[in-house]
């Protein structure tokens, strides 16, 4: 990787959970491993009044609550990079004071870890004090907008002050080691490339499941829901990496051009297809590892009778030569049976069976597990020992944590923050990608609203509404865990 030069990183929303539980720990880890110059600064901004020392202690306490492993001596060194300033996003005088404090001769990074409705005023005030100069970079957190119109509106506004190459739309899933390894598996090996097409693959499943509820994010989540929070960004980005054509290089625009082609090739959703091919759900009370847990409407800051979905699954199709006719099943939800992110490639059955019909027809699968552990499992059929011809499913298991025992695994936010500092855009979402994703999912939101479709209830600790399994059963397919 290229060298990291001195920078001033300004964190808007500096007292929020994302900054204190994710970004500060990621930056601490980068510093711990010698990847941050000692003359750089990390300046947190917030409306609370506190000194630099108070903020450093506040950030340390939050990091410990997030179970971050902190070395006291290393934290003491890292905290010298930290500073805190009080700022009101609507107060231009505060931005003038900010400009007088930061060094505009080096890279200036402005990370907007705030509600999207503050993006405009922050960008406008940064421009009014000339902090949108050529060495400036802007990081925008998801969700960027609430639908296509609001996302386009924000993008248009930001584009009046910052060039596209200065804008880093962050999707932390793209920073995960396992997601980048997915590209390596596809484009670094000949083993699967010949099979990676409709002639040999019958279906693909992409799942991001969480066993936790909404926790303290009830007010945010109720206005967002699973579709906006996870499917429009994380799941569609994974779909793009699975389905994209091999790029001729790994530079930013080449990779993102191929991902955009996938999004543009998705079969458009209409009212009938939303009704038939999209399932929404909301968790009710149930259990988590045998411990009783409440339902979504019992969570803090969630209004009674909320119709916000905490689960969504759907069937998607890609209309191009490689994937025509292959269904892609996407699924995400909260309070599900397990926390897991995985991609299941189901290969087609053999054309002529010469072994007993009791053999598992679904054995030929490639399972790429992204979390909690990072593994690749190739399932196939082998003869059971003995004097019969009975076949039994077996698998080859590659556990990356065991293969690379001496290698440090960089966290998603750490990798992405270092890429922002270096100015590398490959793992960030380009505007046309983002708007293409919004354009594809928007008919779902429109149809739900028009037809008053409300989510089906499912018990916490299960895999979602039964209609999610029915969605696949119509095609003679089952979710991966139902085959175990």
Protein backbone atom coordinates (compact mmCIF):
# COMPACT_ATOMS: atom_id res chain seq x y z
CA UNK A 1 0.00 0.00 0.00
CA UNK A 2 1.08 3.56 -0.66
CA UNK A 3 2.46 5.68 2.17
CA UNK A 4 0.07 7.70 4.32
CA UNK A 5 1.01 11.38 4.42
CA UNK A 6 0.02 13.93 7.06
CA UNK A 7 -3.66 14.80 7.19
CA UNK A 8 -6.32 16.56 9.21
CA UNK A 9 -9.39 14.34 9.63
CA UNK A 10 -12.50 16.20 10.79
CA UNK A 11 -15.29 14.04 12.23
CA UNK A 12 -18.72 15.68 12.19
CA UNK A 13 -20.98 13.98 14.73
CA UNK A 14 -17.93 13.35 16.90
CA UNK A 15 -19.88 12.34 20.01
CA UNK A 16 -22.13 9.87 18.18
CA UNK A 17 -21.95 6.09 18.33
CA UNK A 18 -20.47 5.62 14.87
CA UNK A 19 -17.50 7.87 15.61
CA UNK A 20 -16.82 6.65 19.14
CA UNK A 21 -17.57 2.95 18.69
CA UNK A 22 -16.33 2.40 15.12
CA UNK A 23 -14.24 5.21 13.65
CA UNK A 24 -12.06 6.14 16.63
CA UNK A 25 -11.28 2.45 17.37
CA UNK A 26 -10.45 1.90 13.69
CA UNK A 27 -8.10 4.88 13.69
CA UNK A 28 -6.56 3.70 16.97
CA UNK A 29 -5.89 0.32 15.37
CA UNK A 30 -4.28 1.97 12.34
CA UNK A 31 -2.08 4.04 14.65
CA UNK A 32 -1.25 1.00 16.80
CA UNK A 33 0.10 -0.77 13.71
CA UNK A 34 2.12 2.21 12.55
CA UNK A 35 -0.10 3.39 9.69
CA UNK A 36 -0.85 6.95 10.87
CA UNK A 37 1.75 9.75 10.79
CA UNK A 38 2.35 11.24 14.22
CA UNK A 39 1.92 14.78 12.87
CA UNK A 40 -1.64 14.13 11.68
CA UNK A 41 -4.73 15.18 13.62
CA UNK A 42 -8.17 13.72 14.22
CA UNK A 43 -10.58 16.52 15.11
CA UNK A 44 -13.97 15.48 16.45
CA UNK A 45 -16.80 18.00 16.25
CA UNK A 46 -19.98 18.08 18.30
CA UNK A 47 -22.46 20.36 19.99
CA UNK A 48 -21.51 19.23 23.48
CA UNK A 49 -19.05 21.42 25.32
CA UNK A 50 -15.99 19.52 26.50
CA UNK A 51 -12.22 19.87 26.58
CA UNK A 52 -9.80 17.80 24.55
CA UNK A 53 -8.91 15.76 27.62
CA UNK A 54 -12.56 15.15 28.44
CA UNK A 55 -13.22 14.00 24.89
CA UNK A 56 -10.26 11.62 24.90
CA UNK A 57 -11.61 10.01 28.06
CA UNK A 58 -15.12 9.95 26.59
CA UNK A 59 -13.86 8.21 23.44
CA UNK A 60 -11.83 5.75 25.51
CA UNK A 61 -14.86 4.84 27.63
CA UNK A 62 -17.00 4.32 24.53
CA UNK A 63 -14.34 2.16 22.89
CA UNK A 64 -14.14 -0.05 25.97
CA UNK A 65 -17.93 -0.40 25.99
CA UNK A 66 -17.61 -1.62 22.39
CA UNK A 67 -15.15 -4.29 23.63
CA UNK A 68 -12.19 -2.75 21.80
CA UNK A 69 -8.88 -4.10 23.07
CA UNK A 70 -7.01 -1.00 24.28
CA UNK A 71 -3.37 -0.83 25.29
CA UNK A 72 -3.07 2.05 27.75
CA UNK A 73 0.39 3.16 26.57
CA UNK A 74 -0.60 3.03 22.91
CA UNK A 75 -3.84 4.89 23.65
CA UNK A 76 -1.84 7.62 25.38
CA UNK A 77 0.23 8.06 22.21
CA UNK A 78 -2.84 7.90 19.98
CA UNK A 79 -4.78 10.41 22.07
CA UNK A 80 -2.17 13.05 21.22
CA UNK A 81 -3.61 12.98 17.69
CA UNK A 82 -7.15 13.54 19.01
CA UNK A 83 -8.80 16.89 19.50
CA UNK A 84 -12.32 18.13 20.01
CA UNK A 85 -14.10 21.32 18.98
CA UNK A 86 -17.64 22.51 19.58
CA UNK A 87 -19.50 23.20 16.35
CA UNK A 88 -23.08 23.92 15.34
CA UNK A 89 -23.65 22.78 11.73
CA UNK A 90 -25.80 25.83 11.06
CA UNK A 91 -23.40 28.38 12.50
CA UNK A 92 -21.03 29.84 9.88
CA UNK A 93 -18.85 31.42 12.55
CA UNK A 94 -18.02 27.94 13.86
CA UNK A 95 -16.81 26.96 10.39
CA UNK A 96 -14.62 30.03 10.17
CA UNK A 97 -13.07 29.05 13.50
CA UNK A 98 -12.57 25.52 12.17
CA UNK A 99 -10.75 26.80 9.10
CA UNK A 100 -8.38 28.85 11.21
CA UNK A 101 -7.53 25.71 13.17
CA UNK A 102 -6.86 23.11 10.48
CA UNK A 103 -3.90 23.01 8.06
CA UNK A 104 -5.21 23.53 4.52
CA UNK A 105 -1.78 22.79 3.02
CA UNK A 106 -2.20 19.07 3.73
CA UNK A 107 -5.02 16.62 3.00
CA UNK A 108 -8.25 17.68 4.72
CA UNK A 109 -10.86 14.96 5.22
CA UNK A 110 -14.40 15.81 6.31
CA UNK A 111 -16.31 12.76 7.52
CA UNK A 112 -20.05 13.45 7.78
CA UNK A 113 -21.18 11.01 10.46
CA UNK A 114 -24.47 12.87 10.91
CA UNK A 115 -28.09 12.57 9.86
CA UNK A 116 -28.38 13.02 6.05
CA UNK A 117 -30.53 16.15 6.55
CA UNK A 118 -27.36 17.93 7.77
CA UNK A 119 -25.25 17.06 4.71
CA UNK A 120 -26.37 20.09 2.74
CA UNK A 121 -25.77 22.76 5.36
CA UNK A 122 -22.38 21.25 6.29
CA UNK A 123 -21.20 21.19 2.67
CA UNK A 124 -22.49 24.70 2.06
CA UNK A 125 -20.72 26.10 5.10
CA UNK A 126 -17.49 24.24 4.26
CA UNK A 127 -17.60 25.89 0.84
CA UNK A 128 -18.33 29.34 2.28
CA UNK A 129 -15.06 29.22 4.20
CA UNK A 130 -13.14 27.67 1.27
CA UNK A 131 -12.66 24.28 2.87
CA UNK A 132 -13.69 22.53 -0.36
CA UNK A 133 -10.26 23.10 -1.87
CA UNK A 134 -8.39 20.62 -4.10
CA UNK A 135 -6.86 18.78 -1.13
CA UNK A 136 -10.24 18.26 0.54
CA UNK A 137 -12.08 14.94 0.65
CA UNK A 138 -15.65 14.36 1.76
CA UNK A 139 -16.90 11.10 3.29
CA UNK A 140 -20.66 10.48 3.25
CA UNK A 141 -22.23 7.83 5.46
CA UNK A 142 -25.27 5.77 4.50
CA UNK A 143 -28.18 6.01 4.21
CA UNK A 144 -27.70 8.74 1.63
CA UNK A 145 -31.27 9.90 1.25
CA UNK A 146 -34.58 8.15 1.84
CA UNK A 147 -35.38 7.33 -1.78
CA UNK A 148 -34.15 8.10 -5.29
CA UNK A 149 -35.38 11.70 -5.22
CA UNK A 150 -33.75 12.62 -1.91
CA UNK A 151 -30.53 10.77 -2.80
CA UNK A 152 -30.34 12.62 -6.12
CA UNK A 153 -31.09 15.89 -4.38
CA UNK A 154 -28.25 15.38 -1.89
CA UNK A 155 -25.86 14.30 -4.64
CA UNK A 156 -26.76 17.34 -6.76
CA UNK A 157 -26.21 19.67 -3.84
CA UNK A 158 -22.91 18.13 -2.78
CA UNK A 159 -21.71 18.17 -6.40
CA UNK A 160 -22.02 21.96 -6.50
CA UNK A 161 -19.21 22.19 -3.93
CA UNK A 162 -17.14 19.00 -4.34
CA UNK A 163 -15.96 17.10 -7.41
CA UNK A 164 -16.97 13.45 -7.77
CA UNK A 165 -13.38 12.33 -7.24
CA UNK A 166 -13.41 14.12 -3.87
CA UNK A 167 -16.53 12.30 -2.63
CA UNK A 168 -16.21 8.98 -0.78
CA UNK A 169 -19.63 7.33 -0.28
CA UNK A 170 -18.82 4.71 2.30
CA UNK A 171 -20.29 1.21 2.54
CA UNK A 172 -18.38 -0.50 5.31
CA UNK A 173 -19.13 -3.96 3.89
CA UNK A 174 -16.82 -3.15 0.97
CA UNK A 175 -13.99 -2.69 3.46
CA UNK A 176 -14.37 -6.18 4.92
CA UNK A 177 -11.49 -8.51 4.22
CA UNK A 178 -13.91 -11.25 3.25
CA UNK A 179 -15.66 -9.14 0.61
CA UNK A 180 -12.35 -8.26 -1.00
CA UNK A 181 -11.44 -11.95 -0.84
CA UNK A 182 -14.59 -12.68 -2.81
CA UNK A 183 -13.08 -10.71 -5.68
CA UNK A 184 -9.82 -12.61 -5.27
CA UNK A 185 -11.64 -15.95 -5.41
CA UNK A 186 -13.42 -14.93 -8.59
CA UNK A 187 -10.75 -13.07 -10.48
CA UNK A 188 -7.54 -14.61 -9.14
CA UNK A 189 -8.35 -18.25 -9.92
CA UNK A 190 -9.31 -20.18 -13.04
CA UNK A 191 -11.05 -22.90 -11.00
CA UNK A 192 -14.45 -21.22 -10.83
CA UNK A 193 -14.44 -18.83 -13.78
CA UNK A 194 -15.53 -21.44 -16.32
CA UNK A 195 -18.45 -22.43 -14.07
CA UNK A 196 -19.46 -18.89 -13.08
CA UNK A 197 -22.40 -18.56 -15.48
CA UNK A 198 -25.96 -19.65 -16.21
CA UNK A 199 -24.95 -22.89 -17.94
CA UNK A 200 -23.69 -24.36 -14.65
CA UNK A 201 -25.36 -22.37 -11.85
CA UNK A 202 -29.04 -22.84 -10.99
CA UNK A 203 -29.45 -20.18 -8.28
CA UNK A 204 -27.56 -17.85 -5.95
CA UNK A 205 -28.43 -16.80 -2.40
CA UNK A 206 -27.01 -13.79 -0.59
CA UNK A 207 -27.84 -13.45 3.11
CA UNK A 208 -26.92 -10.90 5.75
CA UNK A 209 -28.61 -12.02 8.97
CA UNK A 210 -28.37 -10.46 12.42
CA UNK A 211 -29.47 -12.08 15.66
CA UNK A 212 -29.63 -8.73 17.47
CA UNK A 213 -32.56 -6.36 17.55
CA UNK A 214 -32.48 -2.63 16.85
CA UNK A 215 -31.09 -1.87 20.33
CA UNK A 216 -30.74 1.87 20.95
CA UNK A 217 -31.31 2.77 17.27
CA UNK A 218 -35.09 2.53 17.40
CA UNK A 219 -35.77 6.11 16.34
CA UNK A 220 -33.35 5.89 13.39
CA UNK A 221 -34.38 2.41 12.35
CA UNK A 222 -38.09 3.12 12.40
CA UNK A 223 -37.61 5.77 9.71
CA UNK A 224 -35.29 3.53 7.71
CA UNK A 225 -36.17 -0.17 7.80
CA UNK A 226 -34.31 -3.19 6.50
CA UNK A 227 -34.72 -2.32 2.82
CA UNK A 228 -33.03 1.08 3.10
CA UNK A 229 -30.60 0.09 5.84
CA UNK A 230 -29.22 -3.11 4.32
CA UNK A 231 -30.64 -4.22 0.98
CA UNK A 232 -30.30 -1.04 -1.08
CA UNK A 233 -26.60 -0.85 -0.24
CA UNK A 234 -24.87 -3.85 1.35
CA UNK A 235 -26.79 -6.65 -0.36
CA UNK A 236 -26.80 -5.03 -3.78
CA UNK A 237 -23.08 -4.32 -3.51
CA UNK A 238 -22.45 -8.00 -2.74
CA UNK A 239 -24.66 -8.96 -5.68
CA UNK A 240 -22.57 -6.73 -7.93
CA UNK A 241 -19.31 -8.35 -6.86
CA UNK A 242 -20.75 -11.85 -7.34
CA UNK A 243 -22.27 -11.07 -10.76
CA UNK A 244 -19.94 -8.49 -12.34
CA UNK A 245 -17.80 -9.23 -15.37
CA UNK A 246 -14.04 -9.51 -14.75
CA UNK A 247 -12.57 -5.98 -14.77
CA UNK A 248 -9.42 -5.49 -16.82
CA UNK A 249 -7.81 -3.69 -13.84
CA UNK A 250 -8.53 -2.92 -10.19
CA UNK A 251 -8.60 0.86 -10.49
CA UNK A 252 -11.65 2.66 -9.15
CA UNK A 253 -13.55 3.47 -12.33
CA UNK A 254 -12.91 0.11 -14.01
CA UNK A 255 -14.30 -1.85 -11.06
CA UNK A 256 -17.21 0.51 -10.50
CA UNK A 257 -18.10 0.52 -14.22
CA UNK A 258 -18.58 -3.26 -14.05
CA UNK A 259 -20.69 -3.03 -10.89
CA UNK A 260 -22.85 -0.38 -12.51
CA UNK A 261 -23.53 -2.68 -15.49
CA UNK A 262 -24.93 -5.29 -13.09
CA UNK A 263 -27.28 -2.80 -11.45
CA UNK A 264 -28.43 -1.57 -14.85
CA UNK A 265 -29.05 -5.18 -15.95
CA UNK A 266 -31.36 -6.02 -13.04
CA UNK A 267 -34.84 -6.90 -14.26
CA UNK A 268 -37.05 -3.93 -13.31
CA UNK A 269 -39.54 -4.48 -10.50
CA UNK A 270 -43.19 -3.64 -11.06
CA UNK A 271 -46.24 -3.79 -8.85
CA UNK A 272 -47.00 -7.45 -9.62
CA UNK A 273 -43.40 -8.59 -9.14
CA UNK A 274 -43.15 -6.72 -5.83
CA UNK A 275 -46.30 -8.46 -4.60
CA UNK A 276 -45.10 -11.88 -5.77
CA UNK A 277 -41.32 -11.74 -5.32
CA UNK A 278 -40.70 -9.52 -2.27
CA UNK A 279 -41.34 -10.53 1.36
CA UNK A 280 -41.23 -8.14 4.30
CA UNK A 281 -41.35 -9.06 7.95
CA UNK A 282 -41.17 -7.64 11.46
CA UNK A 283 -39.94 -9.57 14.49
CA UNK A 284 -42.21 -10.22 17.43
CA UNK A 285 -41.21 -11.59 20.82
CA UNK A 286 -39.23 -14.82 20.83
CA UNK A 287 -35.90 -16.14 22.06
CA UNK A 288 -32.22 -15.51 21.44
CA UNK A 289 -30.16 -18.57 22.38
CA UNK A 290 -32.94 -19.62 24.73
CA UNK A 291 -33.26 -16.21 26.37
CA UNK A 292 -36.65 -14.46 25.93
CA UNK A 293 -36.49 -11.23 23.95
CA UNK A 294 -39.13 -8.66 23.09
CA UNK A 295 -40.58 -7.78 19.73
CA UNK A 296 -39.71 -4.81 17.56
CA UNK A 297 -42.64 -2.74 18.79
CA UNK A 298 -41.45 -3.23 22.35
CA UNK A 299 -38.03 -1.69 21.59
CA UNK A 300 -37.10 1.77 22.89
CA UNK A 301 -38.13 4.69 20.68
CA UNK A 302 -40.28 2.52 18.41
CA UNK A 303 -43.89 3.72 18.10
CA UNK A 304 -46.74 1.37 18.84
CA UNK A 305 -48.22 -0.28 15.73
CA UNK A 306 -45.12 0.57 13.66
CA UNK A 307 -45.20 -0.93 10.16
CA UNK A 308 -41.43 -0.68 9.59
CA UNK A 309 -39.94 -3.88 8.19
CA UNK A 310 -37.07 -5.55 10.06
CA UNK A 311 -36.76 -8.30 7.44
CA UNK A 312 -36.84 -8.40 3.67
CA UNK A 313 -36.19 -11.13 1.14
CA UNK A 314 -36.68 -11.03 -2.60
CA UNK A 315 -35.99 -12.67 -5.91
CA UNK A 316 -33.92 -10.73 -8.42
CA UNK A 317 -32.93 -11.50 -12.00
CA UNK A 318 -30.07 -10.15 -14.10
CA UNK A 319 -30.86 -9.74 -17.77
CA UNK A 320 -27.54 -10.38 -19.46
CA UNK A 321 -25.86 -13.28 -21.27
CA UNK A 322 -23.97 -14.56 -18.23
CA UNK A 323 -26.90 -14.68 -15.80
CA UNK A 324 -30.16 -14.78 -17.78
CA UNK A 325 -32.57 -17.21 -16.09
CA UNK A 326 -30.56 -17.56 -12.86
CA UNK A 327 -32.56 -16.35 -9.81
CA UNK A 328 -30.71 -14.35 -7.16
CA UNK A 329 -32.35 -14.57 -3.73
CA UNK A 330 -31.44 -11.74 -1.35
CA UNK A 331 -32.28 -11.75 2.35
CA UNK A 332 -31.56 -9.64 5.41
CA UNK A 333 -33.16 -9.18 8.80
CA UNK A 334 -32.82 -8.57 12.51
CA UNK A 335 -33.50 -10.99 15.36
CA UNK A 336 -32.91 -13.96 13.09
CA UNK A 337 -31.64 -17.36 14.19
CA UNK A 338 -27.94 -16.61 13.69
CA UNK A 339 -25.62 -13.78 12.78
CA UNK A 340 -24.20 -14.71 9.42
CA UNK A 341 -23.30 -13.20 6.06
CA UNK A 342 -22.87 -15.69 3.27
CA UNK A 343 -23.18 -16.30 -0.44
CA UNK A 344 -24.43 -19.68 -1.64
CA UNK A 345 -23.74 -20.70 -5.24
CA UNK A 346 -25.97 -23.65 -6.17
CA UNK A 347 -24.63 -25.56 -9.17
CA UNK A 348 -26.95 -27.42 -11.49
CA UNK A 349 -27.68 -31.09 -11.02
CA UNK A 350 -26.00 -33.70 -13.21
CA UNK A 351 -27.89 -34.40 -16.46
CA UNK A 352 -28.08 -38.17 -16.02
CA UNK A 353 -28.13 -40.01 -12.71
CA UNK A 354 -26.40 -43.39 -12.53
CA UNK A 355 -26.27 -43.52 -8.74
CA UNK A 356 -29.23 -44.19 -6.40
CA UNK A 357 -31.87 -41.45 -6.38
CA UNK A 358 -31.49 -41.02 -2.62
CA UNK A 359 -28.40 -38.92 -3.27
CA UNK A 360 -28.69 -35.26 -2.24
CA UNK A 361 -29.48 -33.29 -5.40
CA UNK A 362 -28.38 -30.05 -3.72
CA UNK A 363 -24.91 -31.21 -2.74
CA UNK A 364 -23.06 -29.28 -5.44
CA UNK A 365 -22.80 -25.94 -3.66
CA UNK A 366 -20.13 -23.34 -3.05
CA UNK A 367 -20.67 -21.48 0.23
CA UNK A 368 -18.66 -18.31 0.76
CA UNK A 369 -19.02 -17.26 4.40
CA UNK A 370 -18.22 -13.59 5.05
CA UNK A 371 -18.99 -13.46 8.77
CA UNK A 372 -18.74 -14.26 11.63
CA UNK A 373 -15.92 -16.51 10.40
CA UNK A 374 -14.44 -16.28 6.92
CA UNK A 375 -14.57 -19.62 5.14
CA UNK A 376 -15.15 -21.18 1.74
CA UNK A 377 -16.86 -24.58 1.63
CA UNK A 378 -17.29 -26.63 -1.54
CA UNK A 379 -19.99 -29.30 -1.16
CA UNK A 380 -20.07 -32.31 -3.46
CA UNK A 381 -21.04 -36.00 -3.40
CA UNK A 382 -18.69 -38.84 -2.51
CA UNK A 383 -19.23 -42.57 -2.24
CA UNK A 384 -20.00 -43.84 1.23
CA UNK A 385 -17.50 -46.51 2.35
CA UNK A 386 -18.77 -50.05 1.90
CA UNK A 387 -20.06 -52.36 -0.80
CA UNK A 388 -22.86 -50.07 -2.01
CA UNK A 389 -22.95 -47.17 -4.42
CA UNK A 390 -24.66 -44.83 -1.99
CA UNK A 391 -23.44 -41.22 -2.14
CA UNK A 392 -23.08 -38.84 0.75
CA UNK A 393 -22.60 -35.05 0.76
CA UNK A 394 -19.10 -34.02 1.89
CA UNK A 395 -17.24 -30.74 1.66
CA UNK A 396 -13.84 -29.16 1.38
CA UNK A 397 -13.39 -26.47 4.01
CA UNK A 398 -11.01 -23.53 3.70
CA UNK A 399 -10.83 -21.44 6.89
CA UNK A 400 -8.87 -18.26 6.17
CA UNK A 401 -8.23 -17.53 9.84
CA UNK A 402 -6.35 -20.84 10.06
CA UNK A 403 -4.59 -20.41 6.74
CA UNK A 404 -3.26 -16.94 7.57
CA UNK A 405 -2.50 -17.31 11.26
CA UNK A 406 0.37 -14.81 11.21
CA UNK A 407 -1.46 -12.13 9.24
CA UNK A 408 -3.43 -9.31 10.86
CA UNK A 409 -6.97 -8.92 9.58
CA UNK A 410 -7.76 -5.25 9.01
CA UNK A 411 -11.26 -4.14 10.02
CA UNK A 412 -13.62 -2.70 7.43
CA UNK A 413 -13.61 0.86 8.70
CA UNK A 414 -9.85 0.83 9.24
CA UNK A 415 -9.23 -0.24 5.64
CA UNK A 416 -11.68 2.31 4.24
CA UNK A 417 -10.36 5.19 6.35
CA UNK A 418 -6.83 4.46 5.17
CA UNK A 419 -8.11 4.39 1.58
CA UNK A 420 -9.73 7.81 2.07
CA UNK A 421 -6.46 9.18 3.41
CA UNK A 422 -4.61 7.71 0.43
CA UNK A 423 -7.28 8.94 -2.00
CA UNK A 424 -8.20 5.44 -3.26
CA UNK A 425 -11.81 5.29 -4.48
CA UNK A 426 -12.09 1.64 -5.58
CA UNK A 427 -13.96 0.45 -2.47
CA UNK A 428 -16.37 3.40 -2.41
CA UNK A 429 -19.69 3.80 -4.17
CA UNK A 430 -19.87 6.10 -7.15
CA UNK A 431 -22.89 8.35 -7.62
CA UNK A 432 -24.31 6.51 -10.64
CA UNK A 433 -24.01 3.18 -8.78
CA UNK A 434 -25.90 4.51 -5.81
CA UNK A 435 -28.67 6.07 -7.85
CA UNK A 436 -29.03 2.93 -9.98
CA UNK A 437 -29.54 0.93 -6.76
CA UNK A 438 -32.16 3.39 -5.53
CA UNK A 439 -33.92 3.30 -8.90
CA UNK A 440 -34.20 -0.49 -8.74
CA UNK A 441 -35.55 -0.73 -5.16
CA UNK A 442 -37.89 2.26 -5.34
CA UNK A 443 -40.82 0.29 -6.87
CA UNK A 444 -40.81 -1.82 -3.71
CA UNK A 445 -41.28 1.25 -1.51
CA UNK A 446 -43.92 2.67 -3.88
CA UNK A 447 -45.90 -0.58 -4.03
CA UNK A 448 -45.79 -1.12 -0.27
CA UNK A 449 -47.17 2.35 0.25
CA UNK A 450 -49.77 2.21 -2.53
CA UNK A 451 -51.18 -1.22 -1.61
CA UNK A 452 -50.74 -0.73 2.16
CA UNK A 453 -48.58 -3.85 2.38
CA UNK A 454 -47.45 -4.38 5.95
CA UNK A 455 -44.70 -6.77 7.12
CA UNK A 456 -45.53 -10.31 8.21
CA UNK A 457 -44.72 -11.06 11.84
CA UNK A 458 -42.04 -13.62 12.65
CA UNK A 459 -40.78 -14.84 16.02
CA UNK A 460 -37.39 -13.59 17.16
CA UNK A 461 -34.83 -16.36 16.85
CA UNK A 462 -36.25 -17.80 13.63
CA UNK A 463 -35.29 -17.25 9.98
CA UNK A 464 -38.07 -14.79 9.24
CA UNK A 465 -41.64 -15.15 7.92
CA UNK A 466 -42.63 -18.51 6.44
CA UNK A 467 -43.50 -16.69 3.21
CA UNK A 468 -39.74 -16.18 2.72
CA UNK A 469 -39.32 -19.95 2.37
CA UNK A 470 -42.41 -20.14 0.17
CA UNK A 471 -40.83 -17.57 -2.17
CA UNK A 472 -38.02 -20.03 -2.96
CA UNK A 473 -40.16 -23.16 -2.79
CA UNK A 474 -42.13 -21.94 -5.82
CA UNK A 475 -38.91 -22.40 -7.81
CA UNK A 476 -38.05 -25.73 -6.20
CA UNK A 477 -35.33 -24.06 -4.10
CA UNK A 478 -34.70 -23.87 -0.35
CA UNK A 479 -32.69 -21.51 1.79
CA UNK A 480 -29.27 -22.91 2.57
CA UNK A 481 -29.93 -23.63 6.26
CA UNK A 482 -33.07 -25.61 5.37
CA UNK A 483 -30.91 -28.12 3.46
CA UNK A 484 -28.66 -28.86 6.42
